[in-house]
């Protein structure tokens, strides 16, 4: 199962764009850029984040 995105977004001094999601009950913040969303679309950025989260997993890289 992929990440479930809440629709919440934010910016900080350190990161251009943060997207909030959940992996089961664990909160995940996805760091991305407005350029990535403009170039690839929000759905593609979310899909890539889900793939990376599955590849890394909760216990570190597999």
Foldseek 3Di string as FASTA:
>chain_A
DFWAWPPDKDADPVAAIWTWTDDVPRIDIDGDHVVCCVVPNPVVSRVVVRVVCVQQDPVGHD
